[in-house]
PDB file of N, CA and C in Angstrom:
ATOM      1  N   LYS A   1      19.550  -7.933  17.157  1.00  0.00           N
ATOM      2  CA  LYS A   1      18.832  -8.736  16.222  1.00  0.00           C
ATOM      3  C   LYS A   1      17.566  -9.062  16.588  1.00  0.00           C
ATOM      4  N   VAL A   2      17.194  -9.381  17.816  1.00  0.00           N
ATOM      5  CA  VAL A   2      15.912  -9.708  18.165  1.00  0.00           C
ATOM      6  C   VAL A   2      14.927  -8.472  18.089  1.00  0.00           C
ATOM      7  N   VAL A   3      15.540  -7.298  18.419  1.00  0.00           N
ATOM      8  CA  VAL A   3      14.636  -6.051  18.366  1.00  0.00           C
ATOM      9  C   VAL A   3      14.272  -5.801  16.961  1.00  0.00           C
ATOM     10  N   PHE A   4      15.167  -6.005  16.054  1.00  0.00           N
ATOM     11  CA  PHE A   4      14.839  -5.891  14.519  1.00  0.00           C
ATOM     12  C   PHE A   4      13.955  -6.874  14.058  1.00  0.00           C
ATOM     13  N   ASP A   5      14.009  -8.151  14.514  1.00  0.00           N
ATOM     14  CA  ASP A   5      13.012  -9.151  14.174  1.00  0.00           C
ATOM     15  C   ASP A   5      11.663  -8.754  14.706  1.00  0.00           C
ATOM     16  N   LEU A   6      11.639  -8.340  15.913  1.00  0.00           N
ATOM     17  CA  LEU A   6      10.275  -7.756  16.329  1.00  0.00           C
ATOM     18  C   LEU A   6       9.724  -6.734  15.648  1.00  0.00           C
ATOM     19  N   LEU A   7      10.620  -5.733  15.297  1.00  0.00           N
ATOM     20  CA  LEU A   7      10.153  -4.601  14.614  1.00  0.00           C
ATOM     21  C   LEU A   7       9.666  -4.958  13.126  1.00  0.00           C
ATOM     22  N   PHE A   8      10.214  -6.017  12.478  1.00  0.00           N
ATOM     23  CA  PHE A   8       9.894  -6.461  11.152  1.00  0.00           C
ATOM     24  C   PHE A   8       8.513  -7.211  11.220  1.00  0.00           C
ATOM     25  N   GLU A   9       8.409  -8.004  12.310  1.00  0.00           N
ATOM     26  CA  GLU A   9       7.065  -8.677  12.579  1.00  0.00           C
ATOM     27  C   GLU A   9       6.035  -7.655  12.785  1.00  0.00           C
ATOM     28  N   ASP A  10       6.276  -6.748  13.584  1.00  0.00           N
ATOM     29  CA  ASP A  10       5.284  -5.572  13.919  1.00  0.00           C
ATOM     30  C   ASP A  10       4.899  -4.801  12.750  1.00  0.00           C
ATOM     31  N   LEU A  11       5.912  -4.604  11.893  1.00  0.00           N
ATOM     32  CA  LEU A  11       5.683  -3.850  10.580  1.00  0.00           C
ATOM     33  C   LEU A  11       4.776  -4.549   9.719  1.00  0.00           C
ATOM     34  N   ILE A  12       5.134  -5.816   9.449  1.00  0.00           N
ATOM     35  CA  ILE A  12       4.269  -6.602   8.537  1.00  0.00           C
ATOM     36  C   ILE A  12       2.817  -6.754   8.997  1.00  0.00           C
ATOM     37  N   ARG A  13       2.706  -6.837  10.513  1.00  0.00           N
ATOM     38  CA  ARG A  13       1.274  -6.992  11.033  1.00  0.00           C
ATOM     39  C   ARG A  13       0.667  -5.666  10.890  1.00  0.00           C
ATOM     40  N   THR A  14       1.214  -4.598  11.127  1.00  0.00           N
ATOM     41  CA  THR A  14       0.577  -3.221  11.059  1.00  0.00           C
ATOM     42  C   THR A  14       0.409  -2.911   9.517  1.00  0.00           C
ATOM     43  N   ILE A  15       1.243  -3.158   8.585  1.00  0.00           N
ATOM     44  CA  ILE A  15       0.778  -3.014   7.199  1.00  0.00           C
ATOM     45  C   ILE A  15      -0.302  -3.739   6.784  1.00  0.00           C
ATOM     46  N   SER A  16      -0.272  -5.049   7.214  1.00  0.00           N
ATOM     47  CA  SER A  16      -1.432  -5.886   6.717  1.00  0.00           C
ATOM     48  C   SER A  16      -2.730  -5.456   7.205  1.00  0.00           C
ATOM     49  N   ILE A  17      -2.839  -5.050   8.489  1.00  0.00           N
ATOM     50  CA  ILE A  17      -3.997  -4.519   9.127  1.00  0.00           C
ATOM     51  C   ILE A  17      -4.435  -3.142   8.323  1.00  0.00           C
ATOM     52  N   ALA A  18      -3.461  -2.248   8.179  1.00  0.00           N
ATOM     53  CA  ALA A  18      -3.663  -1.053   7.428  1.00  0.00           C
ATOM     54  C   ALA A  18      -4.293  -1.308   6.038  1.00  0.00           C
ATOM     55  N   ILE A  19      -3.773  -2.143   5.242  1.00  0.00           N
ATOM     56  CA  ILE A  19      -4.167  -2.478   3.964  1.00  0.00           C
ATOM     57  C   ILE A  19      -5.617  -3.034   3.955  1.00  0.00           C
ATOM     58  N   PHE A  20      -5.843  -3.838   4.998  1.00  0.00           N
ATOM     59  CA  PHE A  20      -7.239  -4.558   5.130  1.00  0.00           C
ATOM     60  C   PHE A  20      -8.286  -3.364   5.258  1.00  0.00           C
ATOM     61  N   LEU A  21      -7.867  -2.501   6.095  1.00  0.00           N
ATOM     62  CA  LEU A  21      -8.935  -1.337   6.698  1.00  0.00           C
ATOM     63  C   LEU A  21      -9.073  -0.524   5.462  1.00  0.00           C
ATOM     64  N   ILE A  22      -7.928  -0.134   4.705  1.00  0.00           N
ATOM     65  CA  ILE A  22      -8.029   0.678   3.549  1.00  0.00           C
ATOM     66  C   ILE A  22      -8.919   0.033   2.504  1.00  0.00           C
ATOM     67  N   LEU A  23      -8.971  -1.281   2.364  1.00  0.00           N
ATOM     68  CA  LEU A  23      -9.623  -1.963   1.475  1.00  0.00           C
ATOM     69  C   LEU A  23     -11.145  -1.835   1.845  1.00  0.00           C
ATOM     70  N   ILE A  24     -11.523  -1.971   3.146  1.00  0.00           N
ATOM     71  CA  ILE A  24     -12.892  -1.888   3.543  1.00  0.00           C
ATOM     72  C   ILE A  24     -13.387  -0.422   3.198  1.00  0.00           C
ATOM     73  N   VAL A  25     -12.575   0.506   3.564  1.00  0.00           N
ATOM     74  CA  VAL A  25     -12.971   1.940   3.395  1.00  0.00           C
ATOM     75  C   VAL A  25     -13.153   2.321   1.804  1.00  0.00           C
ATOM     76  N   LEU A  26     -12.088   1.722   0.997  1.00  0.00           N
ATOM     77  CA  LEU A  26     -12.488   1.929  -0.422  1.00  0.00           C
ATOM     78  C   LEU A  26     -13.571   1.308  -1.051  1.00  0.00           C
ATOM     79  N   ILE A  27     -13.870   0.007  -0.617  1.00  0.00           N
ATOM     80  CA  ILE A  27     -14.930  -0.524  -1.066  1.00  0.00           C
ATOM     81  C   ILE A  27     -16.248   0.148  -0.894  1.00  0.00           C
ATOM     82  N   VAL A  28     -16.324   0.545   0.345  1.00  0.00           N
ATOM     83  CA  VAL A  28     -17.522   1.475   0.857  1.00  0.00           C
ATOM     84  C   VAL A  28     -17.566   2.742   0.019  1.00  0.00           C
ATOM     85  N   ALA A  29     -16.508   3.393  -0.001  1.00  0.00           N
ATOM     86  CA  ALA A  29     -16.248   4.788  -0.724  1.00  0.00           C
ATOM     87  C   ALA A  29     -16.655   4.653  -2.279  1.00  0.00           C
ATOM     88  N   TYR A  30     -16.148   3.727  -2.850  1.00  0.00           N
ATOM     89  CA  TYR A  30     -16.338   3.484  -4.244  1.00  0.00           C
ATOM     90  C   TYR A  30     -17.657   2.685  -4.634  1.00  0.00           C
ATOM     91  N   ARG A  31     -18.359   2.185  -3.542  1.00  0.00           N
ATOM     92  CA  ARG A  31     -19.563   1.423  -3.759  1.00  0.00           C
ATOM     93  C   ARG A  31     -19.210   0.138  -4.675  1.00  0.00           C
ATOM     94  N   SER A  32     -17.991  -0.329  -4.774  1.00  0.00           N
ATOM     95  CA  SER A  32     -17.738  -1.346  -5.680  1.00  0.00           C
ATOM     96  C   SER A  32     -16.485  -2.151  -5.050  1.00  0.00           C
ATOM     97  N   PRO A  33     -16.748  -3.430  -4.978  1.00  0.00           N
ATOM     98  CA  PRO A  33     -15.664  -4.198  -4.480  1.00  0.00           C
ATOM     99  C   PRO A  33     -14.526  -4.337  -5.427  1.00  0.00           C
ATOM    100  N   VAL A  34     -14.833  -4.273  -6.775  1.00  0.00           N
ATOM    101  CA  VAL A  34     -13.746  -4.396  -7.774  1.00  0.00           C
ATOM    102  C   VAL A  34     -12.839  -3.149  -7.761  1.00  0.00           C
ATOM    103  N   LYS A  35     -13.384  -1.925  -7.705  1.00  0.00           N
ATOM    104  CA  LYS A  35     -12.670  -0.742  -7.661  1.00  0.00           C
ATOM    105  C   LYS A  35     -11.799  -0.520  -6.327  1.00  0.00           C
ATOM    106  N   GLY A  36     -12.375  -1.098  -5.249  1.00  0.00           N
ATOM    107  CA  GLY A  36     -11.644  -0.988  -4.043  1.00  0.00           C
ATOM    108  C   GLY A  36     -10.488  -1.985  -4.066  1.00  0.00           C
ATOM    109  N   THR A  37     -10.727  -3.119  -4.646  1.00  0.00           N
ATOM    110  CA  THR A  37      -9.829  -4.135  -4.796  1.00  0.00           C
ATOM    111  C   THR A  37      -8.586  -3.762  -5.718  1.00  0.00           C
ATOM    112  N   ILE A  38      -8.870  -3.254  -6.797  1.00  0.00           N
ATOM    113  CA  ILE A  38      -7.914  -2.763  -7.728  1.00  0.00           C
ATOM    114  C   ILE A  38      -7.036  -1.651  -7.164  1.00  0.00           C
ATOM    115  N   SER A  39      -7.637  -0.631  -6.260  1.00  0.00           N
ATOM    116  CA  SER A  39      -6.831   0.309  -5.647  1.00  0.00           C
ATOM    117  C   SER A  39      -5.869  -0.203  -4.703  1.00  0.00           C
ATOM    118  N   VAL A  40      -6.389  -1.360  -4.010  1.00  0.00           N
ATOM    119  CA  VAL A  40      -5.387  -1.871  -2.905  1.00  0.00           C
ATOM    120  C   VAL A  40      -4.373  -2.681  -3.626  1.00  0.00           C
ATOM    121  N   THR A  41      -4.702  -3.392  -4.710  1.00  0.00           N
ATOM    122  CA  THR A  41      -3.830  -4.110  -5.431  1.00  0.00           C
ATOM    123  C   THR A  41      -2.630  -3.306  -5.919  1.00  0.00           C
ATOM    124  N   ILE A  42      -2.901  -2.042  -6.320  1.00  0.00           N
ATOM    125  CA  ILE A  42      -1.850  -0.955  -6.788  1.00  0.00           C
ATOM    126  C   ILE A  42      -0.899  -0.745  -5.561  1.00  0.00           C
ATOM    127  N   LEU A  43      -1.633  -0.570  -4.325  1.00  0.00           N
ATOM    128  CA  LEU A  43      -0.845  -0.389  -3.116  1.00  0.00           C
ATOM    129  C   LEU A  43       0.032  -1.535  -2.792  1.00  0.00           C
ATOM    130  N   ILE A  44      -0.539  -2.694  -2.902  1.00  0.00           N
ATOM    131  CA  ILE A  44       0.293  -3.989  -2.390  1.00  0.00           C
ATOM    132  C   ILE A  44       1.498  -4.085  -3.309  1.00  0.00           C
ATOM    133  N   ILE A  45       1.258  -3.834  -4.679  1.00  0.00           N
ATOM    134  CA  ILE A  45       2.293  -3.994  -5.632  1.00  0.00           C
ATOM    135  C   ILE A  45       3.556  -2.956  -5.239  1.00  0.00           C
ATOM    136  N   ALA A  46       3.088  -1.716  -4.948  1.00  0.00           N
ATOM    137  CA  ALA A  46       4.066  -0.719  -4.619  1.00  0.00           C
ATOM    138  C   ALA A  46       4.877  -1.124  -3.352  1.00  0.00           C
ATOM    139  N   VAL A  47       4.091  -1.717  -2.300  1.00  0.00           N
ATOM    140  CA  VAL A  47       4.953  -2.058  -1.053  1.00  0.00           C
ATOM    141  C   VAL A  47       5.776  -3.252  -1.405  1.00  0.00           C
ATOM    142  N   THR A  48       5.414  -4.155  -2.113  1.00  0.00           N
ATOM    143  CA  THR A  48       6.058  -5.313  -2.492  1.00  0.00           C
ATOM    144  C   THR A  48       7.405  -4.815  -3.377  1.00  0.00           C
ATOM    145  N   TRP A  49       7.245  -4.151  -4.250  1.00  0.00           N
ATOM    146  CA  TRP A  49       8.415  -3.672  -5.042  1.00  0.00           C
ATOM    147  C   TRP A  49       9.375  -2.820  -4.245  1.00  0.00           C
ATOM    148  N   THR A  50       8.867  -1.938  -3.352  1.00  0.00           N
ATOM    149  CA  THR A  50       9.802  -1.265  -2.350  1.00  0.00           C
ATOM    150  C   THR A  50      10.692  -2.092  -1.575  1.00  0.00           C
ATOM    151  N   GLY A  51       9.896  -3.118  -0.941  1.00  0.00           N
ATOM    152  CA  GLY A  51      10.628  -4.098  -0.075  1.00  0.00           C
ATOM    153  C   GLY A  51      11.616  -4.884  -0.809  1.00  0.00           C
ATOM    154  N   GLY A  52      11.193  -5.402  -2.017  1.00  0.00           N
ATOM    155  CA  GLY A  52      12.084  -6.146  -2.827  1.00  0.00           C
ATOM    156  C   GLY A  52      13.341  -5.425  -3.387  1.00  0.00           C
ATOM    157  N   THR A  53      13.143  -4.173  -3.735  1.00  0.00           N
ATOM    158  CA  THR A  53      14.175  -3.397  -4.144  1.00  0.00           C
ATOM    159  C   THR A  53      15.232  -3.051  -2.938  1.00  0.00           C
ATOM    160  N   MET A  54      14.593  -2.774  -1.722  1.00  0.00           N
ATOM    161  CA  MET A  54      15.579  -2.646  -0.626  1.00  0.00           C
ATOM    162  C   MET A  54      16.337  -3.770  -0.502  1.00  0.00           C
ATOM    163  N   GLU A  55      15.781  -5.002  -0.406  1.00  0.00           N
ATOM    164  CA  GLU A  55      16.455  -6.258  -0.394  1.00  0.00           C
ATOM    165  C   GLU A  55      17.535  -6.371  -1.247  1.00  0.00           C
ATOM    166  N   LEU A  56      17.174  -6.291  -2.525  1.00  0.00           N
ATOM    167  CA  LEU A  56      18.102  -6.430  -3.737  1.00  0.00           C
ATOM    168  C   LEU A  56      19.276  -5.566  -3.710  1.00  0.00           C
ATOM    169  N   LEU A  57      19.070  -4.215  -3.133  1.00  0.00           N
ATOM    170  CA  LEU A  57      20.268  -3.399  -2.925  1.00  0.00           C
ATOM    171  C   LEU A  57      20.940  -3.555  -1.804  1.00  0.00           C
ATOM    172  N   GLY A  58      20.484  -4.433  -0.875  1.00  0.00           N
ATOM    173  CA  GLY A  58      21.154  -4.760   0.449  1.00  0.00           C
ATOM    174  C   GLY A  58      20.991  -3.703   1.512  1.00  0.00           C
ATOM    175  N   VAL A  59      19.909  -2.972   1.440  1.00  0.00           N
ATOM    176  CA  VAL A  59      19.658  -2.056   2.447  1.00  0.00           C
ATOM    177  C   VAL A  59      19.453  -2.694   3.795  1.00  0.00           C
ATOM    178  N   PRO A  60      20.123  -2.519   4.768  1.00  0.00           N
ATOM    179  CA  PRO A  60      19.930  -3.172   6.022  1.00  0.00           C
ATOM    180  C   PRO A  60      18.676  -2.719   6.797  1.00  0.00           C
ATOM    181  N   LEU A  61      17.996  -3.691   7.580  1.00  0.00           N
ATOM    182  CA  LEU A  61      16.938  -3.208   8.366  1.00  0.00           C
ATOM    183  C   LEU A  61      17.207  -2.497   9.688  1.00  0.00           C
ATOM    184  N   SER A  62      16.808  -1.234   9.589  1.00  0.00           N
ATOM    185  CA  SER A  62      17.151  -0.327  10.845  1.00  0.00           C
ATOM    186  C   SER A  62      15.854   0.340  11.281  1.00  0.00           C
ATOM    187  N   LEU A  63      16.006   1.159  12.322  1.00  0.00           N
ATOM    188  CA  LEU A  63      14.708   2.038  12.805  1.00  0.00           C
ATOM    189  C   LEU A  63      14.371   2.830  11.699  1.00  0.00           C
ATOM    190  N   ILE A  64      15.190   3.302  10.982  1.00  0.00           N
ATOM    191  CA  ILE A  64      14.803   4.369   9.834  1.00  0.00           C
ATOM    192  C   ILE A  64      14.203   3.566   8.678  1.00  0.00           C
ATOM    193  N   THR A  65      14.781   2.552   8.329  1.00  0.00           N
ATOM    194  CA  THR A  65      14.279   1.711   7.170  1.00  0.00           C
ATOM    195  C   THR A  65      12.862   1.222   7.452  1.00  0.00           C
ATOM    196  N   VAL A  66      12.613   0.698   8.659  1.00  0.00           N
ATOM    197  CA  VAL A  66      11.472   0.086   9.048  1.00  0.00           C
ATOM    198  C   VAL A  66      10.239   1.051   8.627  1.00  0.00           C
ATOM    199  N   THR A  67      10.395   2.305   8.855  1.00  0.00           N
ATOM    200  CA  THR A  67       9.293   3.255   8.463  1.00  0.00           C
ATOM    201  C   THR A  67       8.953   3.510   7.010  1.00  0.00           C
ATOM    202  N   VAL A  68       9.791   2.941   6.172  1.00  0.00           N
ATOM    203  CA  VAL A  68       9.660   3.139   4.739  1.00  0.00           C
ATOM    204  C   VAL A  68       8.278   2.424   4.287  1.00  0.00           C
ATOM    205  N   GLY A  69       7.909   1.206   4.968  1.00  0.00           N
ATOM    206  CA  GLY A  69       6.874   0.510   4.679  1.00  0.00           C
ATOM    207  C   GLY A  69       5.672   1.325   4.860  1.00  0.00           C
ATOM    208  N   SER A  70       5.450   2.018   6.016  1.00  0.00           N
ATOM    209  CA  SER A  70       4.479   2.843   6.436  1.00  0.00           C
ATOM    210  C   SER A  70       4.374   4.094   5.399  1.00  0.00           C
ATOM    211  N   LEU A  71       5.402   4.684   5.066  1.00  0.00           N
ATOM    212  CA  LEU A  71       5.345   5.872   4.312  1.00  0.00           C
ATOM    213  C   LEU A  71       4.937   5.356   2.747  1.00  0.00           C
ATOM    214  N   VAL A  72       5.292   4.225   2.366  1.00  0.00           N
ATOM    215  CA  VAL A  72       4.831   3.714   1.024  1.00  0.00           C
ATOM    216  C   VAL A  72       3.426   3.474   1.086  1.00  0.00           C
ATOM    217  N   VAL A  73       2.802   2.922   2.276  1.00  0.00           N
ATOM    218  CA  VAL A  73       1.474   2.760   2.287  1.00  0.00           C
ATOM    219  C   VAL A  73       0.721   4.024   2.167  1.00  0.00           C
ATOM    220  N   GLY A  74       1.061   5.109   2.965  1.00  0.00           N
ATOM    221  CA  GLY A  74       0.550   6.341   3.002  1.00  0.00           C
ATOM    222  C   GLY A  74       0.557   7.139   1.639  1.00  0.00           C
ATOM    223  N   ILE A  75       1.692   7.118   0.995  1.00  0.00           N
ATOM    224  CA  ILE A  75       1.895   7.703  -0.198  1.00  0.00           C
ATOM    225  C   ILE A  75       1.166   6.944  -1.388  1.00  0.00           C
ATOM    226  N   GLY A  76       1.296   5.535  -1.441  1.00  0.00           N
ATOM    227  CA  GLY A  76       0.813   4.625  -2.305  1.00  0.00           C
ATOM    228  C   GLY A  76      -0.671   4.709  -2.358  1.00  0.00           C
ATOM    229  N   ILE A  77      -1.380   4.993  -1.262  1.00  0.00           N
ATOM    230  CA  ILE A  77      -2.878   4.829  -1.217  1.00  0.00           C
ATOM    231  C   ILE A  77      -3.319   6.068  -1.934  1.00  0.00           C
ATOM    232  N   ASP A  78      -2.645   7.293  -1.737  1.00  0.00           N
ATOM    233  CA  ASP A  78      -2.966   8.466  -2.344  1.00  0.00           C
ATOM    234  C   ASP A  78      -2.886   8.486  -3.655  1.00  0.00           C
ATOM    235  N   TYR A  79      -1.940   7.865  -4.259  1.00  0.00           N
ATOM    236  CA  TYR A  79      -1.862   7.713  -5.749  1.00  0.00           C
ATOM    237  C   TYR A  79      -2.682   6.595  -6.273  1.00  0.00           C
ATOM    238  N   SER A  80      -2.956   5.584  -5.732  1.00  0.00           N
ATOM    239  CA  SER A  80      -3.957   4.606  -6.246  1.00  0.00           C
ATOM    240  C   SER A  80      -5.407   5.280  -6.259  1.00  0.00           C
ATOM    241  N   ILE A  81      -5.549   6.067  -5.159  1.00  0.00           N
ATOM    242  CA  ILE A  81      -6.931   6.756  -5.348  1.00  0.00           C
ATOM    243  C   ILE A  81      -6.903   7.676  -6.516  1.00  0.00           C
ATOM    244  N   HIS A  82      -5.869   8.537  -6.652  1.00  0.00           N
ATOM    245  CA  HIS A  82      -5.873   9.415  -7.813  1.00  0.00           C
ATOM    246  C   HIS A  82      -6.076   8.612  -9.165  1.00  0.00           C
ATOM    247  N   ILE A  83      -5.427   7.473  -9.277  1.00  0.00           N
ATOM    248  CA  ILE A  83      -5.382   6.689 -10.445  1.00  0.00           C
ATOM    249  C   ILE A  83      -6.913   6.307 -10.734  1.00  0.00           C
ATOM    250  N   MET A  84      -7.421   5.698  -9.568  1.00  0.00           N
ATOM    251  CA  MET A  84      -8.843   5.288  -9.936  1.00  0.00           C
ATOM    252  C   MET A  84      -9.843   6.232 -10.268  1.00  0.00           C
ATOM    253  N   ASN A  85      -9.612   7.485  -9.472  1.00  0.00           N
ATOM    254  CA  ASN A  85     -10.665   8.518  -9.784  1.00  0.00           C
ATOM    255  C   ASN A  85     -10.502   9.086 -11.142  1.00  0.00           C
ATOM    256  N   ARG A  86      -9.213   9.269 -11.586  1.00  0.00           N
ATOM    257  CA  ARG A  86      -8.864   9.629 -13.093  1.00  0.00           C
ATOM    258  C   ARG A  86      -9.534   8.577 -14.111  1.00  0.00           C
ATOM    259  N   TYR A  87      -9.358   7.352 -13.743  1.00  0.00           N
ATOM    260  CA  TYR A  87      -9.882   6.255 -14.590  1.00  0.00           C
ATOM    261  C   TYR A  87     -11.574   6.393 -14.691  1.00  0.00           C
ATOM    262  N   MET A  88     -12.045   6.604 -13.456  1.00  0.00           N
ATOM    263  CA  MET A  88     -13.654   6.729 -13.504  1.00  0.00           C
ATOM    264  C   MET A  88     -13.960   8.089 -14.181  1.00  0.00           C
ATOM    265  N   GLU A  89     -13.163   9.003 -13.989  1.00  0.00           N
ATOM    266  CA  GLU A  89     -13.553  10.403 -14.766  1.00  0.00           C
ATOM    267  C   GLU A  89     -13.476  10.150 -16.327  1.00  0.00           C
ATOM    268  N   GLU A  90     -12.450   9.587 -16.804  1.00  0.00           N
ATOM    269  CA  GLU A  90     -12.239   9.268 -18.306  1.00  0.00           C
ATOM    270  C   GLU A  90     -13.303   8.292 -18.729  1.00  0.00           C
ATOM    271  N   LYS A  91     -13.778   7.228 -17.946  1.00  0.00           N
ATOM    272  CA  LYS A  91     -14.818   6.541 -18.336  1.00  0.00           C
ATOM    273  C   LYS A  91     -16.109   7.306 -18.433  1.00  0.00           C
ATOM    274  N   ARG A  92     -16.398   8.135 -17.504  1.00  0.00           N
ATOM    275  CA  ARG A  92     -17.580   8.879 -17.652  1.00  0.00           C
ATOM    276  C   ARG A  92     -17.625   9.741 -18.783  1.00  0.00           C
ATOM    277  N   ASN A  93     -16.480  10.375 -19.243  1.00  0.00           N
ATOM    278  CA  ASN A  93     -16.440  11.373 -20.200  1.00  0.00           C
ATOM    279  C   ASN A  93     -16.620  10.645 -21.593  1.00  0.00           C
ATOM    280  N   ARG A  94     -16.062   9.416 -21.697  1.00  0.00           N
ATOM    281  CA  ARG A  94     -16.436   8.798 -23.057  1.00  0.00           C
ATOM    282  C   ARG A  94     -17.770   8.379 -23.435  1.00  0.00           C
ATOM    283  N   ARG A  95     -18.745   8.392 -22.499  1.00  0.00           N
ATOM    284  CA  ARG A  95     -20.152   8.146 -22.802  1.00  0.00           C
ATOM    285  C   ARG A  95     -20.761   9.287 -23.523  1.00  0.00           C
TER     286      ARG A  95
END
């Protein structure tokens, strides 16, 4: 029990740091705090929904399920970047 509590605390800390660093990188890359924040908000929603769904379904915390948060961050940021880039492309084409 203690090991899983430590894993969970470390997971929360690691994901929080990763999301903060991703936010900084996206703000610089997009040259816009709004676009960077929107992209990270999409990511935060994905992580929250995944954790909530796992809790709702009663998925126990284990060494394997702890990695799900990291995977969601990795995959989620890719998709949020694609969504934001597509939005910017459509916005440019409408002018």
